[in-house]
Amino acid sequence: MFELLGIPPQALFGQVLLGLINGSFYAVLSLGLAVIFGLLNIINFAHGALYMMGAFVAWMLLTYLGIPFWAALVVSPMIVGGIGMVIERTMLRPLHDLDHLYSLLLTFGLTLVITGLFQNFYGVSGKPYPIPAVLTGVVNLGFMFLPIYRAFIIVMAVIVCFATWFLIEKTRLGSYLRAATENPEMVSAFGINVPLLVTLTYGFGVALAAFAGVLAAPVYSVNPVMGNDIIIVVFAVIVIGGMGSIMGAIIGGFGLGVVEGLTKVFYPEASTTIIFIIMALVLLLKPSGIFGREV
């Protein structure tokens, strides 16, 4: 079996796979942030806490009600999305006309409250969540063994990302959303309930975070701080791809996940910082992001 720069193919492809898995979470979470910021101009720092909440809701549905993974994949995003809509209606709407800093501070405070509540009730130790029986096991690709559930994560992330891009960029509903962002008064004049549209959009962005949380539950232990580290990386992905850019969030998420994985092979010391190095370079060369629009 060939080696690339002295690296065995099993190690190389294994890290590419790991990068794609991490990239799947980066892409779906970044997509939710891009939807919320791009269409609503809200910097949602609570995204990581809502991702954690999605995983915890799936765990609670299974532990207390016996509701399996497949149902939780739908029910958990709906529940967390509903909570997100309440947050938008009651807390974020009064800040709509104020500077972005106010929504950032509010959602940062919400992160502390949500994380603190879950730590108080469930502690900091991880809660196990089983992989669905049909997705257990591995597939032998010849050069490596591919865990079926990991492949499922990548496929589901690609489907959700494409469906969201299509919804926002290619449908009438998406055109209403974009128009409501640019000129809400004109859209209201056509009889469209813009405040409801805003609430549903925020709920949808939050539901994407919860969906990623459900996918993450069998891979990582479900714990109250699981969203703290990933949200920093996701914000870096958003900056690199372009704040509010749907395509930037998708390509940036998957691409940077792979870059991070390859860095672990060729230069492990930089694996935790490579995304932030790329972010710094992008900010120097194109502050609006690779796919962002120049202001």
C-alpha atoms as a PDB file:
ATOM      1  CA  MET A   1       0.000   0.000   0.000  1.00  0.00           C
ATOM      2  CA  PHE A   2       1.357   3.398  -0.984  1.00  0.00           C
ATOM      3  CA  GLU A   3       2.353   6.090   1.468  1.00  0.00           C
ATOM      4  CA  LEU A   4       2.012   9.839   0.995  1.00  0.00           C
ATOM      5  CA  LEU A   5       4.948  11.750   2.481  1.00  0.00           C
ATOM      6  CA  GLY A   6       5.535   8.827   4.805  1.00  0.00           C
ATOM      7  CA  ILE A   7       1.940   8.797   6.065  1.00  0.00           C
ATOM      8  CA  PRO A   8       0.116   5.426   5.899  1.00  0.00           C
ATOM      9  CA  PRO A   9      -3.118   5.657   3.864  1.00  0.00           C
ATOM     10  CA  GLN A  10      -5.177   4.388   6.803  1.00  0.00           C
ATOM     11  CA  ALA A  11      -4.059   7.348   8.918  1.00  0.00           C
ATOM     12  CA  LEU A  12      -4.514   9.825   6.072  1.00  0.00           C
ATOM     13  CA  PHE A  13      -8.008   8.721   5.058  1.00  0.00           C
ATOM     14  CA  GLY A  14      -8.975   8.255   8.688  1.00  0.00           C
ATOM     15  CA  GLN A  15      -8.199  11.902   9.411  1.00  0.00           C
ATOM     16  CA  VAL A  16      -9.984  13.029   6.224  1.00  0.00           C
ATOM     17  CA  LEU A  17     -13.041  11.102   7.433  1.00  0.00           C
ATOM     18  CA  LEU A  18     -12.743  12.676  10.881  1.00  0.00           C
ATOM     19  CA  GLY A  19     -12.407  16.064   9.208  1.00  0.00           C
ATOM     20  CA  LEU A  20     -15.562  15.450   7.175  1.00  0.00           C
ATOM     21  CA  ILE A  21     -17.460  14.449  10.326  1.00  0.00           C
ATOM     22  CA  ASN A  22     -16.325  17.572  12.184  1.00  0.00           C
ATOM     23  CA  GLY A  23     -16.968  19.551   9.013  1.00  0.00           C
ATOM     24  CA  SER A  24     -20.524  18.214   8.917  1.00  0.00           C
ATOM     25  CA  PHE A  25     -21.201  19.701  12.344  1.00  0.00           C
ATOM     26  CA  TYR A  26     -19.397  22.930  11.417  1.00  0.00           C
ATOM     27  CA  ALA A  27     -21.450  23.207   8.206  1.00  0.00           C
ATOM     28  CA  VAL A  28     -24.882  22.614   9.786  1.00  0.00           C
ATOM     29  CA  LEU A  29     -24.159  24.896  12.760  1.00  0.00           C
ATOM     30  CA  SER A  30     -22.632  27.578  10.523  1.00  0.00           C
ATOM     31  CA  LEU A  31     -25.636  27.314   8.243  1.00  0.00           C
ATOM     32  CA  GLY A  32     -27.987  28.051  11.151  1.00  0.00           C
ATOM     33  CA  LEU A  33     -25.879  31.054  12.140  1.00  0.00           C
ATOM     34  CA  ALA A  34     -25.735  32.265   8.529  1.00  0.00           C
ATOM     35  CA  VAL A  35     -29.516  32.041   8.199  1.00  0.00           C
ATOM     36  CA  ILE A  36     -30.051  33.989  11.419  1.00  0.00           C
ATOM     37  CA  PHE A  37     -27.457  36.667  10.730  1.00  0.00           C
ATOM     38  CA  GLY A  38     -27.901  36.892   6.973  1.00  0.00           C
ATOM     39  CA  LEU A  39     -31.686  37.237   7.089  1.00  0.00           C
ATOM     40  CA  LEU A  40     -32.254  38.763  10.541  1.00  0.00           C
ATOM     41  CA  ASN A  41     -28.956  40.564  11.343  1.00  0.00           C
ATOM     42  CA  ILE A  42     -28.832  38.843  14.739  1.00  0.00           C
ATOM     43  CA  ILE A  43     -25.499  37.577  16.083  1.00  0.00           C
ATOM     44  CA  ASN A  44     -26.718  34.463  17.865  1.00  0.00           C
ATOM     45  CA  PHE A  45     -24.029  33.543  20.408  1.00  0.00           C
ATOM     46  CA  ALA A  46     -26.513  31.133  22.051  1.00  0.00           C
ATOM     47  CA  HIS A  47     -26.178  28.798  19.053  1.00  0.00           C
ATOM     48  CA  GLY A  48     -23.767  26.477  20.887  1.00  0.00           C
ATOM     49  CA  ALA A  49     -26.053  26.215  23.907  1.00  0.00           C
ATOM     50  CA  LEU A  50     -29.017  25.432  21.640  1.00  0.00           C
ATOM     51  CA  TYR A  51     -26.924  22.765  19.886  1.00  0.00           C
ATOM     52  CA  MET A  52     -26.296  21.256  23.325  1.00  0.00           C
ATOM     53  CA  MET A  53     -29.999  21.545  24.125  1.00  0.00           C
ATOM     54  CA  GLY A  54     -30.858  19.597  20.965  1.00  0.00           C
ATOM     55  CA  ALA A  55     -28.612  16.739  22.107  1.00  0.00           C
ATOM     56  CA  PHE A  56     -30.059  16.840  25.630  1.00  0.00           C
ATOM     57  CA  VAL A  57     -33.655  16.859  24.390  1.00  0.00           C
ATOM     58  CA  ALA A  58     -32.882  13.742  22.307  1.00  0.00           C
ATOM     59  CA  TRP A  59     -31.335  12.103  25.382  1.00  0.00           C
ATOM     60  CA  MET A  60     -34.330  13.033  27.563  1.00  0.00           C
ATOM     61  CA  LEU A  61     -36.806  11.777  24.936  1.00  0.00           C
ATOM     62  CA  LEU A  62     -35.033   8.409  24.937  1.00  0.00           C
ATOM     63  CA  THR A  63     -34.370   8.182  28.684  1.00  0.00           C
ATOM     64  CA  TYR A  64     -37.738   9.346  30.030  1.00  0.00           C
ATOM     65  CA  LEU A  65     -40.175   8.600  27.187  1.00  0.00           C
ATOM     66  CA  GLY A  66     -38.460   5.835  25.238  1.00  0.00           C
ATOM     67  CA  ILE A  67     -38.604   7.878  22.019  1.00  0.00           C
ATOM     68  CA  PRO A  68     -35.857   6.543  19.703  1.00  0.00           C
ATOM     69  CA  PHE A  69     -33.217   8.355  17.681  1.00  0.00           C
ATOM     70  CA  TRP A  70     -35.206   8.489  14.434  1.00  0.00           C
ATOM     71  CA  ALA A  71     -38.129  10.303  16.043  1.00  0.00           C
ATOM     72  CA  ALA A  72     -35.779  12.521  18.071  1.00  0.00           C
ATOM     73  CA  LEU A  73     -34.128  13.611  14.826  1.00  0.00           C
ATOM     74  CA  VAL A  74     -37.419  15.383  14.015  1.00  0.00           C
ATOM     75  CA  VAL A  75     -38.940  16.071  17.435  1.00  0.00           C
ATOM     76  CA  SER A  76     -35.879  17.588  19.126  1.00  0.00           C
ATOM     77  CA  PRO A  77     -35.292  20.296  16.455  1.00  0.00           C
ATOM     78  CA  MET A  78     -39.019  21.124  16.595  1.00  0.00           C
ATOM     79  CA  ILE A  79     -38.944  21.533  20.395  1.00  0.00           C
ATOM     80  CA  VAL A  80     -35.726  23.578  20.443  1.00  0.00           C
ATOM     81  CA  GLY A  81     -36.875  25.572  17.419  1.00  0.00           C
ATOM     82  CA  GLY A  82     -40.062  26.409  19.317  1.00  0.00           C
ATOM     83  CA  ILE A  83     -37.995  27.578  22.293  1.00  0.00           C
ATOM     84  CA  GLY A  84     -35.971  29.686  19.847  1.00  0.00           C
ATOM     85  CA  MET A  85     -39.137  31.332  18.535  1.00  0.00           C
ATOM     86  CA  VAL A  86     -40.147  32.234  22.090  1.00  0.00           C
ATOM     87  CA  ILE A  87     -36.686  33.752  22.648  1.00  0.00           C
ATOM     88  CA  GLU A  88     -37.001  35.816  19.465  1.00  0.00           C
ATOM     89  CA  ARG A  89     -40.503  37.030  20.325  1.00  0.00           C
ATOM     90  CA  THR A  90     -39.872  37.931  23.945  1.00  0.00           C
ATOM     91  CA  MET A  91     -36.197  38.944  24.100  1.00  0.00           C
ATOM     92  CA  LEU A  92     -34.659  39.663  20.708  1.00  0.00           C
ATOM     93  CA  ARG A  93     -37.503  41.554  19.044  1.00  0.00           C
ATOM     94  CA  PRO A  94     -37.203  44.631  21.315  1.00  0.00           C
ATOM     95  CA  LEU A  95     -33.534  44.846  20.251  1.00  0.00           C
ATOM     96  CA  HIS A  96     -34.287  44.682  16.517  1.00  0.00           C
ATOM     97  CA  ASP A  97     -33.500  48.327  15.773  1.00  0.00           C
ATOM     98  CA  LEU A  98     -30.475  48.534  18.056  1.00  0.00           C
ATOM     99  CA  ASP A  99     -26.803  47.802  17.388  1.00  0.00           C
ATOM    100  CA  HIS A 100     -25.734  44.152  16.800  1.00  0.00           C
ATOM    101  CA  LEU A 101     -23.786  44.311  20.055  1.00  0.00           C
ATOM    102  CA  TYR A 102     -27.005  44.211  22.096  1.00  0.00           C
ATOM    103  CA  SER A 103     -28.200  40.932  20.555  1.00  0.00           C
ATOM    104  CA  LEU A 104     -24.692  39.504  20.963  1.00  0.00           C
ATOM    105  CA  LEU A 105     -24.642  40.389  24.670  1.00  0.00           C
ATOM    106  CA  LEU A 106     -28.160  39.048  25.200  1.00  0.00           C
ATOM    107  CA  THR A 107     -27.468  35.718  23.492  1.00  0.00           C
ATOM    108  CA  PHE A 108     -24.138  35.422  25.353  1.00  0.00           C
ATOM    109  CA  GLY A 109     -26.085  35.844  28.604  1.00  0.00           C
ATOM    110  CA  LEU A 110     -28.602  33.233  27.426  1.00  0.00           C
ATOM    111  CA  THR A 111     -25.712  30.839  26.805  1.00  0.00           C
ATOM    112  CA  LEU A 112     -24.570  31.202  30.417  1.00  0.00           C
ATOM    113  CA  VAL A 113     -28.118  30.737  31.735  1.00  0.00           C
ATOM    114  CA  ILE A 114     -28.932  27.690  29.581  1.00  0.00           C
ATOM    115  CA  THR A 115     -25.576  26.013  30.277  1.00  0.00           C
ATOM    116  CA  GLY A 116     -25.866  26.761  34.010  1.00  0.00           C
ATOM    117  CA  LEU A 117     -29.370  25.274  34.194  1.00  0.00           C
ATOM    118  CA  PHE A 118     -28.317  22.021  32.531  1.00  0.00           C
ATOM    119  CA  GLN A 119     -25.196  21.797  34.705  1.00  0.00           C
ATOM    120  CA  ASN A 120     -27.352  22.297  37.801  1.00  0.00           C
ATOM    121  CA  PHE A 121     -29.752  19.473  36.876  1.00  0.00           C
ATOM    122  CA  TYR A 122     -27.426  17.030  35.110  1.00  0.00           C
ATOM    123  CA  GLY A 123     -23.901  17.854  36.297  1.00  0.00           C
ATOM    124  CA  VAL A 124     -20.907  18.034  33.995  1.00  0.00           C
ATOM    125  CA  SER A 125     -20.379  14.334  33.311  1.00  0.00           C
ATOM    126  CA  GLY A 126     -21.427  13.072  29.882  1.00  0.00           C
ATOM    127  CA  LYS A 127     -24.629  11.156  29.262  1.00  0.00           C
ATOM    128  CA  PRO A 128     -24.316   8.197  26.859  1.00  0.00           C
ATOM    129  CA  TYR A 129     -26.624   8.050  23.852  1.00  0.00           C
ATOM    130  CA  PRO A 130     -26.624   4.791  21.851  1.00  0.00           C
ATOM    131  CA  ILE A 131     -26.102   4.605  18.112  1.00  0.00           C
ATOM    132  CA  PRO A 132     -29.265   3.234  16.404  1.00  0.00           C
ATOM    133  CA  ALA A 133     -28.901  -0.500  15.823  1.00  0.00           C
ATOM    134  CA  VAL A 134     -29.290  -0.211  12.066  1.00  0.00           C
ATOM    135  CA  LEU A 135     -26.354   2.217  11.916  1.00  0.00           C
ATOM    136  CA  THR A 136     -23.892   0.241  14.042  1.00  0.00           C
ATOM    137  CA  GLY A 137     -20.921  -1.561  12.563  1.00  0.00           C
ATOM    138  CA  VAL A 138     -18.385  -0.656   9.905  1.00  0.00           C
ATOM    139  CA  VAL A 139     -17.872  -1.031   6.164  1.00  0.00           C
ATOM    140  CA  ASN A 140     -14.529  -2.285   4.830  1.00  0.00           C
ATOM    141  CA  LEU A 141     -13.457   0.036   2.010  1.00  0.00           C
ATOM    142  CA  GLY A 142     -10.241  -1.861   1.427  1.00  0.00           C
ATOM    143  CA  PHE A 143      -7.946   0.927   2.580  1.00  0.00           C
ATOM    144  CA  MET A 144      -9.870   1.700   5.792  1.00  0.00           C
ATOM    145  CA  PHE A 145     -12.892   0.738   7.872  1.00  0.00           C
ATOM    146  CA  LEU A 146     -15.739   3.253   7.636  1.00  0.00           C
ATOM    147  CA  PRO A 147     -18.124   3.409  10.633  1.00  0.00           C
ATOM    148  CA  ILE A 148     -21.655   3.398   9.246  1.00  0.00           C
ATOM    149  CA  TYR A 149     -22.940   6.036  11.668  1.00  0.00           C
ATOM    150  CA  ARG A 150     -20.110   8.437  10.727  1.00  0.00           C
ATOM    151  CA  ALA A 151     -21.041   8.058   7.059  1.00  0.00           C
ATOM    152  CA  PHE A 152     -24.680   8.686   8.003  1.00  0.00           C
ATOM    153  CA  ILE A 153     -23.710  11.979   9.685  1.00  0.00           C
ATOM    154  CA  ILE A 154     -21.952  13.201   6.543  1.00  0.00           C
ATOM    155  CA  VAL A 155     -24.841  12.204   4.256  1.00  0.00           C
ATOM    156  CA  MET A 156     -27.482  13.825   6.502  1.00  0.00           C
ATOM    157  CA  ALA A 157     -25.428  17.030   6.787  1.00  0.00           C
ATOM    158  CA  VAL A 158     -25.086  17.257   2.991  1.00  0.00           C
ATOM    159  CA  ILE A 159     -28.838  16.686   2.512  1.00  0.00           C
ATOM    160  CA  VAL A 160     -29.827  19.285   5.134  1.00  0.00           C
ATOM    161  CA  CYS A 161     -27.342  21.850   3.806  1.00  0.00           C
ATOM    162  CA  PHE A 162     -28.490  21.434   0.203  1.00  0.00           C
ATOM    163  CA  ALA A 163     -32.178  21.535   1.175  1.00  0.00           C
ATOM    164  CA  THR A 164     -31.659  24.737   3.180  1.00  0.00           C
ATOM    165  CA  TRP A 165     -29.692  26.382   0.360  1.00  0.00           C
ATOM    166  CA  PHE A 166     -32.422  25.423  -2.123  1.00  0.00           C
ATOM    167  CA  LEU A 167     -35.182  26.706   0.180  1.00  0.00           C
ATOM    168  CA  ILE A 168     -33.565  30.109   0.673  1.00  0.00           C
ATOM    169  CA  GLU A 169     -32.072  30.682  -2.776  1.00  0.00           C
ATOM    170  CA  LYS A 170     -34.499  28.980  -5.160  1.00  0.00           C
ATOM    171  CA  THR A 171     -38.032  29.122  -3.721  1.00  0.00           C
ATOM    172  CA  ARG A 172     -40.683  31.796  -3.376  1.00  0.00           C
ATOM    173  CA  LEU A 173     -40.512  31.555   0.430  1.00  0.00           C
ATOM    174  CA  GLY A 174     -36.786  32.227   0.252  1.00  0.00           C
ATOM    175  CA  SER A 175     -37.381  35.276  -1.942  1.00  0.00           C
ATOM    176  CA  TYR A 176     -39.880  36.584   0.622  1.00  0.00           C
ATOM    177  CA  LEU A 177     -37.292  36.093   3.378  1.00  0.00           C
ATOM    178  CA  ARG A 178     -34.601  37.951   1.457  1.00  0.00           C
ATOM    179  CA  ALA A 179     -37.009  40.733   0.513  1.00  0.00           C
ATOM    180  CA  ALA A 180     -38.166  41.083   4.125  1.00  0.00           C
ATOM    181  CA  THR A 181     -34.535  41.588   5.124  1.00  0.00           C
ATOM    182  CA  GLU A 182     -33.948  44.327   2.549  1.00  0.00           C
ATOM    183  CA  ASN A 183     -37.305  46.117   2.662  1.00  0.00           C
ATOM    184  CA  PRO A 184     -39.754  44.902   5.347  1.00  0.00           C
ATOM    185  CA  GLU A 185     -42.194  47.775   4.733  1.00  0.00           C
ATOM    186  CA  MET A 186     -42.656  46.832   1.087  1.00  0.00           C
ATOM    187  CA  VAL A 187     -43.102  43.145   1.924  1.00  0.00           C
ATOM    188  CA  SER A 188     -45.687  44.056   4.595  1.00  0.00           C
ATOM    189  CA  ALA A 189     -47.568  46.063   1.987  1.00  0.00           C
ATOM    190  CA  PHE A 190     -48.101  42.827   0.037  1.00  0.00           C
ATOM    191  CA  GLY A 191     -49.912  41.350   3.037  1.00  0.00           C
ATOM    192  CA  ILE A 192     -47.034  39.212   4.321  1.00  0.00           C
ATOM    193  CA  ASN A 193     -46.676  38.999   8.096  1.00  0.00           C
ATOM    194  CA  VAL A 194     -43.029  40.060   8.417  1.00  0.00           C
ATOM    195  CA  PRO A 195     -42.766  39.667  12.245  1.00  0.00           C
ATOM    196  CA  LEU A 196     -44.033  36.081  11.944  1.00  0.00           C
ATOM    197  CA  LEU A 197     -41.579  35.460   9.112  1.00  0.00           C
ATOM    198  CA  VAL A 198     -38.732  36.731  11.307  1.00  0.00           C
ATOM    199  CA  THR A 199     -39.803  34.499  14.205  1.00  0.00           C
ATOM    200  CA  LEU A 200     -40.065  31.414  11.989  1.00  0.00           C
ATOM    201  CA  THR A 201     -36.662  32.148  10.438  1.00  0.00           C
ATOM    202  CA  TYR A 202     -34.991  32.390  13.840  1.00  0.00           C
ATOM    203  CA  GLY A 203     -36.736  29.184  14.917  1.00  0.00           C
ATOM    204  CA  PHE A 204     -35.492  27.453  11.764  1.00  0.00           C
ATOM    205  CA  GLY A 205     -31.897  28.558  12.358  1.00  0.00           C
ATOM    206  CA  VAL A 206     -32.091  27.309  15.939  1.00  0.00           C
ATOM    207  CA  ALA A 207     -33.650  24.023  14.775  1.00  0.00           C
ATOM    208  CA  LEU A 208     -30.600  23.462  12.544  1.00  0.00           C
ATOM    209  CA  ALA A 209     -28.388  23.763  15.635  1.00  0.00           C
ATOM    210  CA  ALA A 210     -30.591  21.266  17.499  1.00  0.00           C
ATOM    211  CA  PHE A 211     -30.491  18.890  14.514  1.00  0.00           C
ATOM    212  CA  ALA A 212     -26.686  18.949  14.661  1.00  0.00           C
ATOM    213  CA  GLY A 213     -26.946  18.271  18.398  1.00  0.00           C
ATOM    214  CA  VAL A 214     -29.035  15.140  17.839  1.00  0.00           C
ATOM    215  CA  LEU A 215     -26.533  13.876  15.255  1.00  0.00           C
ATOM    216  CA  ALA A 216     -23.702  14.569  17.708  1.00  0.00           C
ATOM    217  CA  ALA A 217     -25.336  12.794  20.666  1.00  0.00           C
ATOM    218  CA  PRO A 218     -24.197   9.236  19.775  1.00  0.00           C
ATOM    219  CA  VAL A 219     -20.686  10.435  18.823  1.00  0.00           C
ATOM    220  CA  TYR A 220     -19.857  12.709  21.735  1.00  0.00           C
ATOM    221  CA  SER A 221     -21.098  12.392  25.282  1.00  0.00           C
ATOM    222  CA  VAL A 222     -24.146  14.570  25.891  1.00  0.00           C
ATOM    223  CA  ASN A 223     -23.017  17.180  28.408  1.00  0.00           C
ATOM    224  CA  PRO A 224     -23.878  20.816  29.224  1.00  0.00           C
ATOM    225  CA  VAL A 225     -20.606  22.259  27.902  1.00  0.00           C
ATOM    226  CA  MET A 226     -20.469  20.375  24.577  1.00  0.00           C
ATOM    227  CA  GLY A 227     -21.410  23.534  22.675  1.00  0.00           C
ATOM    228  CA  ASN A 228     -18.858  25.843  24.290  1.00  0.00           C
ATOM    229  CA  ASP A 229     -15.811  24.878  22.232  1.00  0.00           C
ATOM    230  CA  ILE A 230     -17.493  24.201  18.909  1.00  0.00           C
ATOM    231  CA  ILE A 231     -19.295  27.563  18.782  1.00  0.00           C
ATOM    232  CA  ILE A 232     -15.977  29.447  18.735  1.00  0.00           C
ATOM    233  CA  VAL A 233     -14.825  27.383  15.754  1.00  0.00           C
ATOM    234  CA  VAL A 234     -18.209  27.845  14.040  1.00  0.00           C
ATOM    235  CA  PHE A 235     -17.991  31.624  14.361  1.00  0.00           C
ATOM    236  CA  ALA A 236     -14.529  31.424  12.765  1.00  0.00           C
ATOM    237  CA  VAL A 237     -16.033  29.371   9.918  1.00  0.00           C
ATOM    238  CA  ILE A 238     -18.732  32.013   9.435  1.00  0.00           C
ATOM    239  CA  VAL A 239     -16.146  34.803   9.289  1.00  0.00           C
ATOM    240  CA  ILE A 240     -14.074  32.866   6.745  1.00  0.00           C
ATOM    241  CA  GLY A 241     -17.039  31.953   4.547  1.00  0.00           C
ATOM    242  CA  GLY A 242     -18.679  35.378   4.865  1.00  0.00           C
ATOM    243  CA  MET A 243     -21.123  36.570   7.506  1.00  0.00           C
ATOM    244  CA  GLY A 244     -24.614  35.657   6.344  1.00  0.00           C
ATOM    245  CA  SER A 245     -23.448  33.693   3.285  1.00  0.00           C
ATOM    246  CA  ILE A 246     -25.329  30.389   2.951  1.00  0.00           C
ATOM    247  CA  MET A 247     -22.850  28.909   0.479  1.00  0.00           C
ATOM    248  CA  GLY A 248     -19.924  30.222   2.514  1.00  0.00           C
ATOM    249  CA  ALA A 249     -21.227  28.430   5.613  1.00  0.00           C
ATOM    250  CA  ILE A 250     -21.638  25.115   3.776  1.00  0.00           C
ATOM    251  CA  ILE A 251     -18.379  25.074   1.815  1.00  0.00           C
ATOM    252  CA  GLY A 252     -16.456  26.684   4.666  1.00  0.00           C
ATOM    253  CA  GLY A 253     -17.767  24.165   7.206  1.00  0.00           C
ATOM    254  CA  PHE A 254     -16.902  21.042   5.216  1.00  0.00           C
ATOM    255  CA  GLY A 255     -13.690  22.478   3.777  1.00  0.00           C
ATOM    256  CA  LEU A 256     -12.265  23.671   7.074  1.00  0.00           C
ATOM    257  CA  GLY A 257     -13.184  20.392   8.739  1.00  0.00           C
ATOM    258  CA  VAL A 258     -11.059  18.551   6.159  1.00  0.00           C
ATOM    259  CA  VAL A 259      -8.213  21.082   6.509  1.00  0.00           C
ATOM    260  CA  GLU A 260      -8.300  20.580  10.275  1.00  0.00           C
ATOM    261  CA  GLY A 261      -8.196  16.793   9.813  1.00  0.00           C
ATOM    262  CA  LEU A 262      -5.266  16.908   7.374  1.00  0.00           C
ATOM    263  CA  THR A 263      -3.371  19.248   9.683  1.00  0.00           C
ATOM    264  CA  LYS A 264      -3.584  16.579  12.399  1.00  0.00           C
ATOM    265  CA  VAL A 265      -1.716  14.255  10.032  1.00  0.00           C
ATOM    266  CA  PHE A 266       0.997  16.559   8.688  1.00  0.00           C
ATOM    267  CA  TYR A 267       1.456  19.067  11.515  1.00  0.00           C
ATOM    268  CA  PRO A 268      -0.522  18.013  14.635  1.00  0.00           C
ATOM    269  CA  GLU A 269       0.726  20.953  16.714  1.00  0.00           C
ATOM    270  CA  ALA A 270      -1.266  23.374  14.547  1.00  0.00           C
ATOM    271  CA  SER A 271      -4.485  21.335  14.340  1.00  0.00           C
ATOM    272  CA  THR A 272      -6.291  23.338  17.027  1.00  0.00           C
ATOM    273  CA  THR A 273      -5.283  26.712  15.613  1.00  0.00           C
ATOM    274  CA  ILE A 274      -5.263  26.244  11.828  1.00  0.00           C
ATOM    275  CA  ILE A 275      -8.848  27.484  11.407  1.00  0.00           C
ATOM    276  CA  PHE A 276      -8.071  30.661  13.347  1.00  0.00           C
ATOM    277  CA  ILE A 277      -4.895  31.213  11.309  1.00  0.00           C
ATOM    278  CA  ILE A 278      -6.970  30.946   8.127  1.00  0.00           C
ATOM    279  CA  MET A 279      -9.529  33.332   9.643  1.00  0.00           C
ATOM    280  CA  ALA A 280      -6.808  35.907  10.343  1.00  0.00           C
ATOM    281  CA  LEU A 281      -5.525  35.650   6.770  1.00  0.00           C
ATOM    282  CA  VAL A 282      -9.024  36.002   5.308  1.00  0.00           C
ATOM    283  CA  LEU A 283      -9.709  39.055   7.466  1.00  0.00           C
ATOM    284  CA  LEU A 284      -6.477  40.629   6.231  1.00  0.00           C
ATOM    285  CA  LEU A 285      -7.085  39.866   2.545  1.00  0.00           C
ATOM    286  CA  LYS A 286     -10.903  39.932   2.250  1.00  0.00           C
ATOM    287  CA  PRO A 287     -12.618  41.180   5.410  1.00  0.00           C
ATOM    288  CA  SER A 288     -16.098  40.350   4.102  1.00  0.00           C
ATOM    289  CA  GLY A 289     -15.185  36.653   3.865  1.00  0.00           C
ATOM    290  CA  ILE A 290     -14.540  34.416   0.851  1.00  0.00           C
ATOM    291  CA  PHE A 291     -18.191  34.289  -0.198  1.00  0.00           C
ATOM    292  CA  GLY A 292     -19.314  37.477   1.575  1.00  0.00           C
ATOM    293  CA  ARG A 293     -20.534  40.594  -0.189  1.00  0.00           C
ATOM    294  CA  GLU A 294     -18.429  43.725   0.037  1.00  0.00           C
ATOM    295  CA  VAL A 295     -20.234  46.431   1.997  1.00  0.00           C
END
